[in-house]
């Protein structure tokens, strides 16, 4: 009789146990590796989050510094515009003052010529005085005319002297010549 062999349960259980024990360390190693990778990924994520936070803070600080620099630039540009406007005003004032100076110089030259002509006339005719006025008058009307003439000459001479002083002060104010020196 031939006997058939039946596998027994204990052999199948032993094979399965051996297989499971051999397979279990491989699966356990794989889970440990995955857990280590997850832990490493979490660590990298925390590092990246920290780096992003630092970079964001640096970005905000740089943005604030840029805004401050933009405000300072705007203030400097405003000050520059004000300075340019002031320079333009001063240039207009200088142009006006130079025009006034040219007019005053022309007037000065005319008055200086008058004074020069008057000095030449006084030199040629002599200085009129009250005694000469009284002695040379032919009538009372002539005396009054001569007296009026002398008064006008005196007024003109005073006016010329005042004009010369005014012009000298103007020249001194512009730095052309010190006050008190008259040609």
N, C-alpha and C. Protein backbone atom coordinates (compact mmCIF):
# COMPACT_ATOMS: atom_id res chain seq x y z
N UNK A 1 0.76 -1.14 0.00
CA UNK A 1 0.00 0.00 0.00
C UNK A 1 0.81 1.22 0.00
N UNK A 2 0.42 1.95 -0.67
CA UNK A 2 1.16 3.19 -0.79
C UNK A 2 0.47 4.19 0.14
N UNK A 3 1.34 4.74 0.78
CA UNK A 3 0.85 5.73 1.73
C UNK A 3 1.06 7.13 1.18
N UNK A 4 0.17 7.85 1.34
CA UNK A 4 0.31 9.23 0.87
C UNK A 4 0.77 10.08 1.99
N UNK A 5 1.55 10.99 1.60
CA UNK A 5 2.07 11.86 2.65
C UNK A 5 1.24 13.13 2.66
N UNK A 6 0.90 13.37 3.76
CA UNK A 6 0.15 14.61 3.92
C UNK A 6 1.01 15.61 4.64
N UNK A 7 1.02 16.69 4.15
CA UNK A 7 1.83 17.66 4.86
C UNK A 7 1.19 17.93 6.20
N UNK A 8 2.02 18.06 7.06
CA UNK A 8 1.52 18.29 8.40
C UNK A 8 1.51 19.77 8.66
N UNK A 9 0.72 20.13 9.53
CA UNK A 9 0.55 21.54 9.86
C UNK A 9 1.80 22.10 10.49
N UNK A 10 2.44 21.33 11.31
CA UNK A 10 3.61 21.94 11.90
C UNK A 10 4.67 22.28 10.87
N UNK A 11 4.85 21.59 9.84
CA UNK A 11 5.87 21.91 8.83
C UNK A 11 5.46 23.19 8.10
N UNK A 12 4.22 23.28 7.75
CA UNK A 12 3.77 24.48 7.05
C UNK A 12 3.89 25.71 7.94
N UNK A 13 3.61 25.50 9.18
CA UNK A 13 3.72 26.62 10.12
C UNK A 13 5.18 27.00 10.27
N UNK A 14 6.06 26.02 10.31
CA UNK A 14 7.48 26.32 10.46
C UNK A 14 7.99 27.04 9.23
N UNK A 15 7.57 26.59 8.06
CA UNK A 15 8.02 27.26 6.83
C UNK A 15 7.50 28.69 6.82
N UNK A 16 6.28 28.83 7.19
CA UNK A 16 5.72 30.18 7.20
C UNK A 16 6.41 31.05 8.24
N UNK A 17 6.72 30.48 9.37
CA UNK A 17 7.41 31.24 10.41
C UNK A 17 8.80 31.63 9.96
N UNK A 18 9.50 30.69 9.30
CA UNK A 18 10.83 30.99 8.81
C UNK A 18 10.73 32.08 7.75
N UNK A 19 9.77 31.91 6.88
CA UNK A 19 9.61 32.91 5.82
C UNK A 19 9.28 34.27 6.43
N UNK A 20 8.40 34.27 7.40
CA UNK A 20 8.02 35.53 8.03
C UNK A 20 9.18 36.12 8.81
N UNK A 21 9.98 35.29 9.46
CA UNK A 21 11.11 35.82 10.20
C UNK A 21 12.17 36.36 9.26
N UNK A 22 12.31 35.72 8.11
CA UNK A 22 13.26 36.25 7.14
C UNK A 22 12.73 37.54 6.50
N UNK A 23 11.44 37.54 6.23
CA UNK A 23 10.85 38.71 5.59
C UNK A 23 10.66 39.84 6.59
N UNK A 24 10.42 39.54 7.82
CA UNK A 24 10.18 40.57 8.82
C UNK A 24 11.36 41.52 8.99
N UNK A 25 12.61 41.05 9.08
CA UNK A 25 13.69 42.01 9.21
C UNK A 25 13.82 42.89 7.98
N UNK A 26 13.54 42.34 6.81
CA UNK A 26 13.63 43.18 5.60
C UNK A 26 12.56 44.24 5.65
N UNK A 27 11.36 43.96 6.05
CA UNK A 27 10.28 44.95 6.15
C UNK A 27 10.54 45.92 7.28
N UNK A 28 11.09 45.40 8.40
CA UNK A 28 11.39 46.27 9.52
C UNK A 28 12.48 47.25 9.14
N UNK A 29 13.45 46.82 8.39
CA UNK A 29 14.51 47.72 7.93
C UNK A 29 13.92 48.76 7.01
N UNK A 30 13.03 48.37 6.19
CA UNK A 30 12.41 49.30 5.26
C UNK A 30 11.58 50.33 6.01
N UNK A 31 10.86 49.96 7.03
CA UNK A 31 10.07 50.91 7.83
C UNK A 31 10.98 51.83 8.60
N UNK A 32 12.06 51.28 9.15
CA UNK A 32 13.02 52.13 9.88
C UNK A 32 13.65 53.15 8.94
N UNK A 33 13.96 52.72 7.73
CA UNK A 33 14.55 53.63 6.74
C UNK A 33 13.55 54.72 6.38
N UNK A 34 12.30 54.30 6.18
CA UNK A 34 11.26 55.29 5.85
C UNK A 34 11.06 56.27 7.00
N UNK A 35 11.06 55.77 8.22
CA UNK A 35 10.90 56.66 9.37
C UNK A 35 12.08 57.62 9.47
N UNK A 36 13.28 57.13 9.17
CA UNK A 36 14.46 58.01 9.19
C UNK A 36 14.37 59.05 8.09
N UNK A 37 13.88 58.62 6.92
CA UNK A 37 13.73 59.56 5.81
C UNK A 37 12.67 60.63 6.14
N UNK A 38 11.58 60.17 6.76
CA UNK A 38 10.53 61.12 7.18
C UNK A 38 11.10 62.10 8.20
N UNK A 39 11.85 61.58 9.19
CA UNK A 39 12.46 62.45 10.20
C UNK A 39 13.43 63.43 9.54
N UNK A 40 14.23 62.92 8.57
CA UNK A 40 15.17 63.78 7.85
C UNK A 40 14.41 64.83 7.04
N UNK A 41 13.31 64.41 6.39
CA UNK A 41 12.51 65.37 5.60
C UNK A 41 11.89 66.43 6.49
N UNK A 42 11.41 66.00 7.68
CA UNK A 42 10.84 66.98 8.62
C UNK A 42 11.92 67.96 9.08
N UNK A 43 13.11 67.44 9.34
CA UNK A 43 14.22 68.31 9.75
C UNK A 43 14.56 69.30 8.64
N UNK A 44 14.60 68.80 7.41
CA UNK A 44 14.88 69.69 6.28
C UNK A 44 13.76 70.71 6.10
N UNK A 45 12.51 70.28 6.31
CA UNK A 45 11.37 71.19 6.20
C UNK A 45 11.46 72.29 7.26
N UNK A 46 11.83 71.90 8.49
CA UNK A 46 12.00 72.91 9.55
C UNK A 46 13.13 73.88 9.20
N UNK A 47 14.24 73.34 8.65
CA UNK A 47 15.36 74.18 8.25
C UNK A 47 14.94 75.14 7.13
N UNK A 48 14.21 74.59 6.15
CA UNK A 48 13.73 75.45 5.06
C UNK A 48 12.75 76.50 5.57
N UNK A 49 11.85 76.12 6.47
CA UNK A 49 10.89 77.08 7.04
C UNK A 49 11.63 78.18 7.79
N UNK A 50 12.65 77.79 8.53
CA UNK A 50 13.46 78.77 9.26
C UNK A 50 14.17 79.70 8.28
N UNK A 51 14.73 79.13 7.20
CA UNK A 51 15.42 79.94 6.19
C UNK A 51 14.44 80.89 5.51
N UNK A 52 13.27 80.39 5.17
CA UNK A 52 12.24 81.24 4.53
C UNK A 52 11.85 82.36 5.47
N UNK A 53 11.69 82.04 6.76
CA UNK A 53 11.32 83.06 7.74
C UNK A 53 12.41 84.12 7.85
N UNK A 54 13.67 83.68 7.89
CA UNK A 54 14.79 84.64 7.95
C UNK A 54 14.83 85.50 6.69
N UNK A 55 14.67 84.86 5.52
CA UNK A 55 14.71 85.61 4.27
C UNK A 55 13.54 86.58 4.17
N UNK A 56 12.39 86.18 4.65
CA UNK A 56 11.22 87.06 4.65
C UNK A 56 11.47 88.26 5.56
N UNK A 57 12.02 88.01 6.73
CA UNK A 57 12.34 89.11 7.65
C UNK A 57 13.37 90.03 7.02
N UNK A 58 14.39 89.45 6.36
CA UNK A 58 15.42 90.26 5.69
C UNK A 58 14.79 91.06 4.56
N UNK A 59 13.87 90.44 3.82
CA UNK A 59 13.18 91.12 2.73
C UNK A 59 12.40 92.32 3.26
N UNK A 60 11.66 92.11 4.36
CA UNK A 60 10.89 93.21 4.95
C UNK A 60 11.80 94.32 5.45
N UNK A 61 12.92 93.94 6.04
CA UNK A 61 13.88 94.95 6.51
C UNK A 61 14.46 95.72 5.34
N UNK A 62 14.80 95.00 4.27
CA UNK A 62 15.33 95.66 3.08
C UNK A 62 14.28 96.55 2.42
N UNK A 63 13.03 96.10 2.41
CA UNK A 63 11.94 96.90 1.85
C UNK A 63 11.75 98.17 2.66
N UNK A 64 11.83 98.06 3.98
CA UNK A 64 11.71 99.25 4.84
C UNK A 64 12.87 100.20 4.60
N UNK A 65 14.08 99.64 4.46
CA UNK A 65 15.26 100.49 4.18
C UNK A 65 15.11 101.16 2.83
N UNK A 66 14.59 100.42 1.85
CA UNK A 66 14.38 101.01 0.52
C UNK A 66 13.34 102.11 0.58
N UNK A 67 12.28 101.92 1.35
CA UNK A 67 11.26 102.96 1.50
C UNK A 67 11.85 104.19 2.16
N UNK A 68 12.68 103.99 3.18
CA UNK A 68 13.34 105.12 3.84
C UNK A 68 14.27 105.84 2.88
N UNK A 69 15.01 105.06 2.09
CA UNK A 69 15.91 105.68 1.11
C UNK A 69 15.11 106.44 0.06
N UNK A 70 13.97 105.90 -0.34
CA UNK A 70 13.12 106.59 -1.32
C UNK A 70 12.60 107.90 -0.74
N UNK A 71 12.24 107.91 0.53
CA UNK A 71 11.79 109.14 1.18
C UNK A 71 12.92 110.16 1.25
N UNK A 72 14.12 109.69 1.60
CA UNK A 72 15.26 110.61 1.66
C UNK A 72 15.58 111.14 0.27
N UNK A 73 15.50 110.28 -0.73
CA UNK A 73 15.74 110.71 -2.11
C UNK A 73 14.71 111.75 -2.53
N UNK A 74 13.45 111.52 -2.19
CA UNK A 74 12.41 112.50 -2.53
C UNK A 74 12.68 113.83 -1.83
N UNK A 75 13.11 113.77 -0.57
CA UNK A 75 13.43 115.01 0.16
C UNK A 75 14.61 115.74 -0.48
N UNK A 76 15.63 114.98 -0.87
CA UNK A 76 16.81 115.59 -1.51
C UNK A 76 16.42 116.17 -2.87
N UNK A 77 15.59 115.44 -3.62
CA UNK A 77 15.16 115.96 -4.92
C UNK A 77 14.32 117.22 -4.75
N UNK A 78 13.48 117.25 -3.71
CA UNK A 78 12.68 118.44 -3.42
C UNK A 78 13.59 119.61 -3.05
N UNK A 79 14.58 119.33 -2.23
CA UNK A 79 15.54 120.37 -1.84
C UNK A 79 16.33 120.86 -3.05
N UNK A 80 16.69 119.94 -3.93
CA UNK A 80 17.39 120.32 -5.16
C UNK A 80 16.52 121.20 -6.04
N UNK A 81 15.25 120.84 -6.17
CA UNK A 81 14.32 121.65 -6.96
C UNK A 81 14.17 123.05 -6.35
N UNK A 82 14.07 123.10 -5.02
CA UNK A 82 13.98 124.41 -4.35
C UNK A 82 15.25 125.22 -4.57
N UNK A 83 16.41 124.54 -4.50
CA UNK A 83 17.68 125.23 -4.74
C UNK A 83 17.77 125.75 -6.16
N UNK A 84 17.32 124.95 -7.11
CA UNK A 84 17.34 125.41 -8.51
C UNK A 84 16.41 126.59 -8.71
N UNK A 85 15.25 126.55 -8.08
CA UNK A 85 14.31 127.67 -8.18
C UNK A 85 14.93 128.92 -7.56
N UNK A 86 15.61 128.74 -6.43
CA UNK A 86 16.26 129.89 -5.78
C UNK A 86 17.38 130.45 -6.66
N UNK A 87 18.15 129.56 -7.28
CA UNK A 87 19.22 130.01 -8.20
C UNK A 87 18.61 130.80 -9.35
N UNK A 88 17.48 130.32 -9.88
CA UNK A 88 16.83 131.03 -10.98
C UNK A 88 16.36 132.41 -10.53
N UNK A 89 15.77 132.48 -9.31
CA UNK A 89 15.34 133.78 -8.78
C UNK A 89 16.53 134.71 -8.59
N UNK A 90 17.61 134.17 -8.03
CA UNK A 90 18.80 134.99 -7.80
C UNK A 90 19.41 135.46 -9.12
N UNK A 91 19.39 134.59 -10.13
CA UNK A 91 19.92 134.99 -11.44
C UNK A 91 19.08 136.13 -12.03
N UNK A 92 17.74 136.04 -11.85
CA UNK A 92 16.89 137.13 -12.33
C UNK A 92 17.20 138.42 -11.57
N UNK A 93 17.38 138.29 -10.25
CA UNK A 93 17.70 139.48 -9.44
C UNK A 93 19.04 140.07 -9.85
N UNK A 94 20.01 139.20 -10.14
CA UNK A 94 21.33 139.67 -10.58
C UNK A 94 21.19 140.40 -11.91
N UNK A 95 20.40 139.83 -12.82
CA UNK A 95 20.21 140.47 -14.13
C UNK A 95 19.57 141.85 -13.96
N UNK A 96 18.59 141.93 -13.07
CA UNK A 96 17.93 143.22 -12.81
C UNK A 96 18.92 144.19 -12.17
N UNK A 97 19.69 143.71 -11.19
CA UNK A 97 20.68 144.57 -10.53
C UNK A 97 21.74 145.04 -11.52
N UNK A 98 22.14 144.15 -12.43
CA UNK A 98 23.14 144.55 -13.44
C UNK A 98 22.55 145.61 -14.37
N UNK A 99 21.29 145.47 -14.72
CA UNK A 99 20.64 146.49 -15.57
C UNK A 99 20.59 147.82 -14.83
N UNK A 100 20.23 147.77 -13.55
CA UNK A 100 20.21 149.00 -12.73
C UNK A 100 21.62 149.60 -12.64
N UNK A 101 22.60 148.73 -12.49
CA UNK A 101 23.98 149.20 -12.40
C UNK A 101 24.39 149.88 -13.70
N UNK A 102 24.04 149.29 -14.83
CA UNK A 102 24.39 149.92 -16.11
C UNK A 102 23.74 151.28 -16.25
N UNK A 103 22.48 151.38 -15.81
CA UNK A 103 21.78 152.68 -15.86
C UNK A 103 22.47 153.66 -14.92
N UNK A 104 22.80 153.20 -13.70
CA UNK A 104 23.46 154.08 -12.73
C UNK A 104 24.84 154.49 -13.23
N UNK A 105 25.57 153.58 -13.86
CA UNK A 105 26.89 153.92 -14.40
C UNK A 105 26.77 154.96 -15.51
N UNK A 106 25.77 154.80 -16.36
CA UNK A 106 25.57 155.79 -17.43
C UNK A 106 25.22 157.15 -16.82
N UNK A 107 24.34 157.12 -15.82
CA UNK A 107 23.97 158.37 -15.13
C UNK A 107 25.19 158.98 -14.45
N UNK A 108 25.99 158.12 -13.81
CA UNK A 108 27.21 158.59 -13.14
C UNK A 108 28.15 159.26 -14.15
N UNK A 109 28.33 158.59 -15.31
CA UNK A 109 29.22 159.19 -16.31
C UNK A 109 28.69 160.54 -16.79
N UNK A 110 27.37 160.64 -16.97
CA UNK A 110 26.79 161.94 -17.38
C UNK A 110 27.03 163.00 -16.31
N UNK A 111 26.75 162.63 -15.05
CA UNK A 111 26.92 163.60 -13.96
C UNK A 111 28.40 163.93 -13.75
N UNK A 112 29.24 162.94 -13.92
CA UNK A 112 30.68 163.18 -13.80
C UNK A 112 31.14 164.15 -14.89
N UNK A 113 30.60 164.00 -16.09
CA UNK A 113 30.93 164.91 -17.20
C UNK A 113 30.44 166.32 -16.86
N UNK A 114 29.23 166.41 -16.31
CA UNK A 114 28.70 167.73 -15.92
C UNK A 114 29.60 168.36 -14.87
N UNK A 115 29.98 167.57 -13.88
CA UNK A 115 30.84 168.08 -12.81
C UNK A 115 32.18 168.51 -13.38
N UNK A 116 32.72 167.71 -14.27
CA UNK A 116 34.00 168.06 -14.90
C UNK A 116 33.88 169.37 -15.67
N UNK A 117 32.80 169.49 -16.44
CA UNK A 117 32.58 170.73 -17.19
C UNK A 117 32.42 171.91 -16.24
N UNK A 118 31.72 171.68 -15.13
CA UNK A 118 31.51 172.76 -14.14
C UNK A 118 32.83 173.16 -13.50
N UNK A 119 33.66 172.16 -13.18
CA UNK A 119 34.96 172.48 -12.58
C UNK A 119 35.84 173.27 -13.56
N UNK A 120 35.78 172.91 -14.82
CA UNK A 120 36.53 173.65 -15.83
C UNK A 120 36.01 175.07 -15.92
N UNK A 121 34.68 175.23 -15.89
CA UNK A 121 34.08 176.57 -15.97
C UNK A 121 34.46 177.39 -14.75
N UNK A 122 34.44 176.77 -13.56
CA UNK A 122 34.83 177.49 -12.35
C UNK A 122 36.30 177.90 -12.43
N UNK A 123 37.12 176.99 -12.91
CA UNK A 123 38.55 177.28 -13.03
C UNK A 123 38.78 178.46 -13.98
N UNK A 124 38.06 178.46 -15.09
CA UNK A 124 38.25 179.52 -16.09
C UNK A 124 37.69 180.85 -15.60
N UNK A 125 36.53 180.81 -14.94
CA UNK A 125 35.90 182.07 -14.56
C UNK A 125 36.16 182.46 -13.12
N UNK A 126 36.67 181.55 -12.34
CA UNK A 126 36.89 181.85 -10.93
C UNK A 126 35.65 181.45 -10.12
N UNK A 127 35.83 181.29 -8.85
CA UNK A 127 34.74 180.88 -8.00
C UNK A 127 33.86 182.08 -7.69
N UNK A 128 32.56 181.96 -7.95
CA UNK A 128 31.68 183.08 -7.62
C UNK A 128 31.51 183.16 -6.11
N UNK A 129 31.51 184.36 -5.60
CA UNK A 129 31.31 184.53 -4.17
C UNK A 129 30.29 185.64 -3.96
N UNK A 130 29.90 185.80 -2.73
CA UNK A 130 28.85 186.77 -2.41
C UNK A 130 29.33 188.20 -2.68
N UNK A 131 30.58 188.48 -2.37
CA UNK A 131 31.10 189.85 -2.59
C UNK A 131 31.10 190.18 -4.07
N UNK A 132 31.56 189.23 -4.90
CA UNK A 132 31.57 189.46 -6.34
C UNK A 132 30.16 189.58 -6.87
N UNK A 133 29.26 188.83 -6.31
CA UNK A 133 27.87 188.89 -6.72
C UNK A 133 27.30 190.27 -6.43
N UNK A 134 27.57 190.80 -5.24
CA UNK A 134 27.03 192.12 -4.86
C UNK A 134 27.69 193.24 -5.68
N UNK A 135 28.98 193.14 -5.86
CA UNK A 135 29.69 194.22 -6.53
C UNK A 135 29.44 194.24 -8.05
N UNK A 136 29.23 193.10 -8.65
CA UNK A 136 29.07 193.05 -10.11
C UNK A 136 27.62 193.17 -10.56
N UNK A 137 26.66 193.17 -9.63
CA UNK A 137 25.26 193.28 -10.03
C UNK A 137 24.99 194.69 -10.53
N UNK A 138 24.24 194.79 -11.62
CA UNK A 138 23.92 196.10 -12.19
C UNK A 138 22.60 196.62 -11.67
N UNK A 139 21.76 195.74 -11.16
CA UNK A 139 20.48 196.18 -10.59
C UNK A 139 20.05 195.15 -9.55
N UNK A 140 18.97 195.49 -8.86
CA UNK A 140 18.47 194.56 -7.87
C UNK A 140 17.95 193.30 -8.55
N UNK A 141 17.33 193.41 -9.67
CA UNK A 141 16.85 192.27 -10.44
C UNK A 141 18.02 191.40 -10.88
N UNK A 142 19.11 192.03 -11.32
CA UNK A 142 20.31 191.29 -11.72
C UNK A 142 20.90 190.57 -10.52
N UNK A 143 20.88 191.22 -9.36
CA UNK A 143 21.37 190.60 -8.13
C UNK A 143 20.56 189.34 -7.79
N UNK A 144 19.23 189.45 -7.87
CA UNK A 144 18.37 188.30 -7.60
C UNK A 144 18.62 187.18 -8.61
N UNK A 145 18.81 187.52 -9.85
CA UNK A 145 19.06 186.52 -10.89
C UNK A 145 20.38 185.81 -10.62
N UNK A 146 21.40 186.59 -10.27
CA UNK A 146 22.70 186.00 -9.98
C UNK A 146 22.64 185.12 -8.71
N UNK A 147 21.89 185.56 -7.73
CA UNK A 147 21.77 184.79 -6.49
C UNK A 147 21.04 183.47 -6.77
N UNK A 148 20.00 183.50 -7.57
CA UNK A 148 19.28 182.29 -7.97
C UNK A 148 20.21 181.35 -8.74
N UNK A 149 21.00 181.96 -9.61
CA UNK A 149 21.95 181.17 -10.40
C UNK A 149 22.96 180.47 -9.47
N UNK A 150 23.48 181.19 -8.48
CA UNK A 150 24.43 180.58 -7.53
C UNK A 150 23.77 179.46 -6.70
N UNK A 151 22.52 179.70 -6.30
CA UNK A 151 21.80 178.66 -5.54
C UNK A 151 21.63 177.40 -6.39
N UNK A 152 21.28 177.57 -7.64
CA UNK A 152 21.10 176.41 -8.51
C UNK A 152 22.42 175.68 -8.73
N UNK A 153 23.50 176.46 -8.87
CA UNK A 153 24.81 175.83 -9.04
C UNK A 153 25.15 175.03 -7.78
N UNK A 154 24.90 175.60 -6.61
CA UNK A 154 25.19 174.91 -5.35
C UNK A 154 24.33 173.64 -5.22
N UNK A 155 23.06 173.74 -5.59
CA UNK A 155 22.18 172.57 -5.53
C UNK A 155 22.66 171.47 -6.47
N UNK A 156 23.07 171.87 -7.66
CA UNK A 156 23.56 170.89 -8.63
C UNK A 156 24.83 170.23 -8.11
N UNK A 157 25.72 171.03 -7.54
CA UNK A 157 26.97 170.47 -7.00
C UNK A 157 26.68 169.51 -5.85
N UNK A 158 25.73 169.86 -5.00
CA UNK A 158 25.36 168.95 -3.90
C UNK A 158 24.74 167.67 -4.47
N UNK A 159 23.88 167.83 -5.46
CA UNK A 159 23.26 166.66 -6.10
C UNK A 159 24.30 165.76 -6.74
N UNK A 160 25.28 166.36 -7.40
CA UNK A 160 26.34 165.57 -8.03
C UNK A 160 27.15 164.86 -6.96
N UNK A 161 27.46 165.55 -5.88
CA UNK A 161 28.23 164.91 -4.80
C UNK A 161 27.44 163.76 -4.18
N UNK A 162 26.14 163.98 -3.97
CA UNK A 162 25.31 162.89 -3.42
C UNK A 162 25.23 161.72 -4.39
N UNK A 163 25.12 162.03 -5.66
CA UNK A 163 25.09 160.98 -6.68
C UNK A 163 26.40 160.21 -6.71
N UNK A 164 27.50 160.92 -6.59
CA UNK A 164 28.80 160.25 -6.56
C UNK A 164 28.92 159.33 -5.35
N UNK A 165 28.45 159.79 -4.19
CA UNK A 165 28.48 158.95 -2.99
C UNK A 165 27.57 157.73 -3.15
N UNK A 166 26.38 157.96 -3.70
CA UNK A 166 25.43 156.86 -3.92
C UNK A 166 26.02 155.83 -4.87
N UNK A 167 26.64 156.29 -5.93
CA UNK A 167 27.23 155.37 -6.89
C UNK A 167 28.41 154.61 -6.27
N UNK A 168 29.20 155.32 -5.48
CA UNK A 168 30.34 154.67 -4.83
C UNK A 168 29.84 153.58 -3.87
N UNK A 169 28.74 153.86 -3.14
CA UNK A 169 28.17 152.85 -2.24
C UNK A 169 27.63 151.67 -3.04
N UNK A 170 27.00 151.95 -4.17
CA UNK A 170 26.49 150.89 -5.02
C UNK A 170 27.63 150.01 -5.54
N UNK A 171 28.70 150.65 -5.98
CA UNK A 171 29.86 149.89 -6.46
C UNK A 171 30.47 149.07 -5.33
N UNK A 172 30.53 149.66 -4.14
CA UNK A 172 31.09 148.93 -3.00
C UNK A 172 30.20 147.74 -2.64
N UNK A 173 28.89 147.92 -2.73
CA UNK A 173 27.96 146.83 -2.44
C UNK A 173 28.12 145.68 -3.42
N UNK A 174 28.53 145.98 -4.63
CA UNK A 174 28.75 144.95 -5.64
C UNK A 174 30.18 144.45 -5.64
N UNK A 175 31.00 145.02 -4.78
CA UNK A 175 32.38 144.58 -4.67
C UNK A 175 33.28 145.14 -5.76
N UNK A 176 32.85 146.23 -6.38
CA UNK A 176 33.66 146.81 -7.45
C UNK A 176 34.75 147.73 -6.91
N UNK A 177 34.41 148.48 -5.84
CA UNK A 177 35.34 149.45 -5.32
C UNK A 177 34.96 149.74 -3.87
N UNK A 178 35.91 149.99 -2.99
CA UNK A 178 35.56 150.28 -1.61
C UNK A 178 34.83 151.62 -1.48
N UNK A 179 33.99 151.73 -0.44
CA UNK A 179 33.23 152.95 -0.20
C UNK A 179 34.18 154.09 0.12
N UNK A 180 33.84 155.28 -0.37
CA UNK A 180 34.65 156.47 -0.07
C UNK A 180 35.63 156.80 -1.16
N UNK A 181 35.89 155.90 -2.10
CA UNK A 181 36.81 156.22 -3.18
C UNK A 181 35.99 156.62 -4.40
N UNK A 182 36.14 157.82 -4.78
CA UNK A 182 35.39 158.37 -5.91
C UNK A 182 36.42 158.84 -6.93
N UNK A 183 36.11 158.55 -8.19
CA UNK A 183 37.05 158.99 -9.25
C UNK A 183 36.87 160.45 -9.51
